[in-house]
């Protein structure tokens, strides 16, 4: 029972850190990340929506993931 409560608390904290990281992210990486993770669009669909090449979508997605890791890792990222 207590273990489950602690796990939930950790998940909530992690989600809060991710939300904070999204709030400090540049606009284009955030747009790419949100489309990929929250709307389940693939990179081709995202590129079409944003009017950018797929390679640029890949770069922005990687930047978004790195930004999130840096802002959610208690030791400061990779």
N, C-alpha and C. Protein backbone atom coordinates (compact mmCIF):
# COMPACT_ATOMS: atom_id res chain seq x y z
N UNK A 1 0.82 -1.20 0.00
CA UNK A 1 0.00 0.00 0.00
C UNK A 1 0.86 1.26 0.00
N UNK A 2 1.81 1.33 0.91
CA UNK A 2 2.69 2.50 0.98
C UNK A 2 3.56 2.58 -0.26
N UNK A 3 4.02 1.42 -0.75
CA UNK A 3 4.85 1.41 -1.96
C UNK A 3 4.10 1.99 -3.14
N UNK A 4 2.84 1.64 -3.29
CA UNK A 4 2.03 2.19 -4.38
C UNK A 4 1.87 3.69 -4.26
N UNK A 5 1.67 4.14 -3.05
CA UNK A 5 1.52 5.58 -2.82
C UNK A 5 2.81 6.31 -3.20
N UNK A 6 3.95 5.76 -2.84
CA UNK A 6 5.23 6.37 -3.18
C UNK A 6 5.46 6.39 -4.69
N UNK A 7 5.07 5.32 -5.35
CA UNK A 7 5.20 5.27 -6.81
C UNK A 7 4.34 6.34 -7.46
N UNK A 8 3.10 6.49 -6.99
CA UNK A 8 2.21 7.53 -7.54
C UNK A 8 2.79 8.92 -7.32
N UNK A 9 3.35 9.13 -6.15
CA UNK A 9 3.95 10.42 -5.84
C UNK A 9 5.11 10.71 -6.77
N UNK A 10 5.96 9.72 -7.03
CA UNK A 10 7.08 9.89 -7.96
C UNK A 10 6.59 10.21 -9.36
N UNK A 11 5.53 9.51 -9.78
CA UNK A 11 4.98 9.76 -11.12
C UNK A 11 4.43 11.17 -11.23
N UNK A 12 3.74 11.63 -10.21
CA UNK A 12 3.21 12.99 -10.23
C UNK A 12 4.32 14.02 -10.29
N UNK A 13 5.37 13.78 -9.52
CA UNK A 13 6.51 14.70 -9.55
C UNK A 13 7.17 14.71 -10.93
N UNK A 14 7.31 13.54 -11.51
CA UNK A 14 7.91 13.45 -12.84
C UNK A 14 7.06 14.18 -13.87
N UNK A 15 5.75 13.99 -13.80
CA UNK A 15 4.85 14.68 -14.73
C UNK A 15 4.93 16.20 -14.55
N UNK A 16 5.02 16.64 -13.32
CA UNK A 16 5.15 18.06 -13.05
C UNK A 16 6.44 18.62 -13.65
N UNK A 17 7.55 17.86 -13.53
CA UNK A 17 8.82 18.31 -14.10
C UNK A 17 8.75 18.34 -15.63
N UNK A 18 8.05 17.38 -16.23
CA UNK A 18 7.89 17.38 -17.68
C UNK A 18 7.07 18.59 -18.12
N UNK A 19 5.99 18.88 -17.40
CA UNK A 19 5.18 20.06 -17.73
C UNK A 19 6.00 21.33 -17.62
N UNK A 20 6.84 21.42 -16.60
CA UNK A 20 7.70 22.60 -16.44
C UNK A 20 8.70 22.69 -17.59
N UNK A 21 9.25 21.56 -17.97
CA UNK A 21 10.21 21.55 -19.09
C UNK A 21 9.53 22.00 -20.38
N UNK A 22 8.30 21.54 -20.61
CA UNK A 22 7.57 21.96 -21.80
C UNK A 22 7.33 23.47 -21.79
N UNK A 23 7.11 24.00 -20.62
CA UNK A 23 6.87 25.43 -20.50
C UNK A 23 8.08 26.29 -20.80
N UNK A 24 9.27 25.71 -20.72
CA UNK A 24 10.48 26.48 -20.98
C UNK A 24 11.10 26.14 -22.34
N UNK A 25 10.43 25.31 -23.09
CA UNK A 25 10.95 24.84 -24.38
C UNK A 25 10.64 25.86 -25.49
N UNK A 26 11.54 25.94 -26.46
CA UNK A 26 11.28 26.78 -27.64
C UNK A 26 10.03 26.29 -28.36
N UNK A 27 9.40 27.18 -29.10
CA UNK A 27 8.09 26.91 -29.70
C UNK A 27 8.08 25.73 -30.68
N UNK A 28 9.02 25.69 -31.59
CA UNK A 28 9.00 24.64 -32.62
C UNK A 28 9.29 23.24 -32.05
N UNK A 29 10.32 23.07 -31.21
CA UNK A 29 10.49 21.75 -30.61
C UNK A 29 9.29 21.31 -29.79
N UNK A 30 8.69 22.26 -29.09
CA UNK A 30 7.49 21.92 -28.30
C UNK A 30 6.34 21.49 -29.21
N UNK A 31 6.13 22.20 -30.30
CA UNK A 31 5.06 21.85 -31.24
C UNK A 31 5.28 20.46 -31.81
N UNK A 32 6.52 20.15 -32.15
CA UNK A 32 6.83 18.82 -32.69
C UNK A 32 6.59 17.76 -31.62
N UNK A 33 7.11 18.00 -30.42
CA UNK A 33 6.95 17.03 -29.33
C UNK A 33 5.48 16.77 -29.02
N UNK A 34 4.70 17.83 -28.89
CA UNK A 34 3.28 17.67 -28.56
C UNK A 34 2.53 16.90 -29.65
N UNK A 35 2.84 17.18 -30.90
CA UNK A 35 2.17 16.45 -31.98
C UNK A 35 2.56 14.97 -31.97
N UNK A 36 3.82 14.69 -31.68
CA UNK A 36 4.29 13.31 -31.68
C UNK A 36 3.75 12.54 -30.48
N UNK A 37 3.83 13.13 -29.30
CA UNK A 37 3.49 12.41 -28.08
C UNK A 37 2.03 12.49 -27.68
N UNK A 38 1.40 13.62 -27.91
CA UNK A 38 0.02 13.79 -27.45
C UNK A 38 -1.02 13.51 -28.52
N UNK A 39 -0.62 13.69 -29.79
CA UNK A 39 -1.56 13.44 -30.89
C UNK A 39 -1.18 12.21 -31.70
N UNK A 40 -0.06 11.59 -31.34
CA UNK A 40 0.42 10.36 -32.00
C UNK A 40 0.62 10.52 -33.50
N UNK A 41 1.07 11.69 -33.93
CA UNK A 41 1.37 11.90 -35.34
C UNK A 41 2.78 11.40 -35.62
N UNK A 42 3.00 10.88 -36.82
CA UNK A 42 4.36 10.49 -37.19
C UNK A 42 5.08 11.71 -37.75
N UNK A 43 6.37 11.55 -38.00
CA UNK A 43 7.18 12.69 -38.43
C UNK A 43 6.74 13.26 -39.77
N UNK A 44 6.26 12.41 -40.65
CA UNK A 44 5.78 12.89 -41.95
C UNK A 44 4.54 13.77 -41.77
N UNK A 45 3.62 13.33 -40.91
CA UNK A 45 2.40 14.11 -40.65
C UNK A 45 2.75 15.45 -39.98
N UNK A 46 3.67 15.40 -39.04
CA UNK A 46 4.08 16.63 -38.35
C UNK A 46 4.73 17.60 -39.34
N UNK A 47 5.59 17.08 -40.20
CA UNK A 47 6.24 17.92 -41.21
C UNK A 47 5.21 18.59 -42.10
N UNK A 48 4.19 17.83 -42.49
CA UNK A 48 3.14 18.37 -43.34
C UNK A 48 2.37 19.48 -42.63
N UNK A 49 2.01 19.24 -41.37
CA UNK A 49 1.25 20.25 -40.61
C UNK A 49 2.04 21.53 -40.40
N UNK A 50 3.33 21.37 -40.10
CA UNK A 50 4.15 22.54 -39.77
C UNK A 50 4.83 23.17 -40.98
N UNK A 51 4.76 22.47 -42.12
CA UNK A 51 5.37 23.00 -43.33
C UNK A 51 6.89 23.02 -43.29
N UNK A 52 7.46 21.99 -42.65
CA UNK A 52 8.91 21.89 -42.57
C UNK A 52 9.34 20.50 -43.04
N UNK A 53 10.60 20.32 -43.41
CA UNK A 53 11.06 19.00 -43.86
C UNK A 53 11.07 17.98 -42.70
N UNK A 54 10.95 16.71 -43.05
CA UNK A 54 10.96 15.64 -42.05
C UNK A 54 12.26 15.66 -41.25
N UNK A 55 13.36 15.94 -41.91
CA UNK A 55 14.65 15.98 -41.20
C UNK A 55 14.65 17.06 -40.11
N UNK A 56 13.96 18.15 -40.38
CA UNK A 56 13.86 19.22 -39.37
C UNK A 56 12.96 18.77 -38.22
N UNK A 57 11.91 18.03 -38.53
CA UNK A 57 11.05 17.48 -37.47
C UNK A 57 11.90 16.58 -36.57
N UNK A 58 12.71 15.73 -37.17
CA UNK A 58 13.56 14.82 -36.40
C UNK A 58 14.51 15.60 -35.50
N UNK A 59 15.08 16.68 -36.02
CA UNK A 59 16.00 17.50 -35.23
C UNK A 59 15.28 18.17 -34.07
N UNK A 60 14.10 18.71 -34.33
CA UNK A 60 13.34 19.38 -33.26
C UNK A 60 12.85 18.39 -32.22
N UNK A 61 12.49 17.18 -32.66
CA UNK A 61 12.05 16.18 -31.70
C UNK A 61 13.22 15.77 -30.80
N UNK A 62 14.39 15.57 -31.38
CA UNK A 62 15.57 15.23 -30.59
C UNK A 62 15.90 16.35 -29.61
N UNK A 63 15.80 17.59 -30.06
CA UNK A 63 16.06 18.74 -29.18
C UNK A 63 15.06 18.78 -28.04
N UNK A 64 13.81 18.49 -28.35
CA UNK A 64 12.76 18.48 -27.31
C UNK A 64 13.04 17.39 -26.28
N UNK A 65 13.40 16.21 -26.74
CA UNK A 65 13.67 15.11 -25.82
C UNK A 65 14.88 15.45 -24.93
N UNK A 66 15.91 16.01 -25.51
CA UNK A 66 17.09 16.39 -24.74
C UNK A 66 16.74 17.46 -23.70
N UNK A 67 15.93 18.41 -24.11
CA UNK A 67 15.49 19.47 -23.19
C UNK A 67 14.73 18.87 -22.01
N UNK A 68 13.85 17.94 -22.28
CA UNK A 68 13.07 17.30 -21.22
C UNK A 68 13.98 16.52 -20.29
N UNK A 69 14.91 15.76 -20.85
CA UNK A 69 15.83 14.99 -20.01
C UNK A 69 16.64 15.92 -19.11
N UNK A 70 17.15 17.00 -19.68
CA UNK A 70 17.96 17.94 -18.89
C UNK A 70 17.15 18.58 -17.77
N UNK A 71 15.86 18.79 -18.01
CA UNK A 71 15.04 19.47 -17.01
C UNK A 71 14.32 18.51 -16.06
N UNK A 72 14.42 17.23 -16.30
CA UNK A 72 13.73 16.29 -15.40
C UNK A 72 14.71 15.38 -14.68
N UNK A 73 15.93 15.29 -15.15
CA UNK A 73 16.94 14.45 -14.50
C UNK A 73 17.48 15.18 -13.27
N UNK A 74 17.36 14.57 -12.09
CA UNK A 74 17.84 15.26 -10.88
C UNK A 74 19.34 15.53 -10.89
N UNK A 75 20.08 14.86 -11.77
CA UNK A 75 21.52 15.06 -11.86
C UNK A 75 21.91 15.96 -13.03
N UNK A 76 20.93 16.56 -13.70
CA UNK A 76 21.21 17.54 -14.73
C UNK A 76 21.30 17.04 -16.14
N UNK A 77 20.87 15.83 -16.39
CA UNK A 77 20.83 15.33 -17.77
C UNK A 77 21.95 14.39 -18.11
N UNK A 78 22.04 14.07 -19.42
CA UNK A 78 23.02 13.06 -19.86
C UNK A 78 24.46 13.51 -19.73
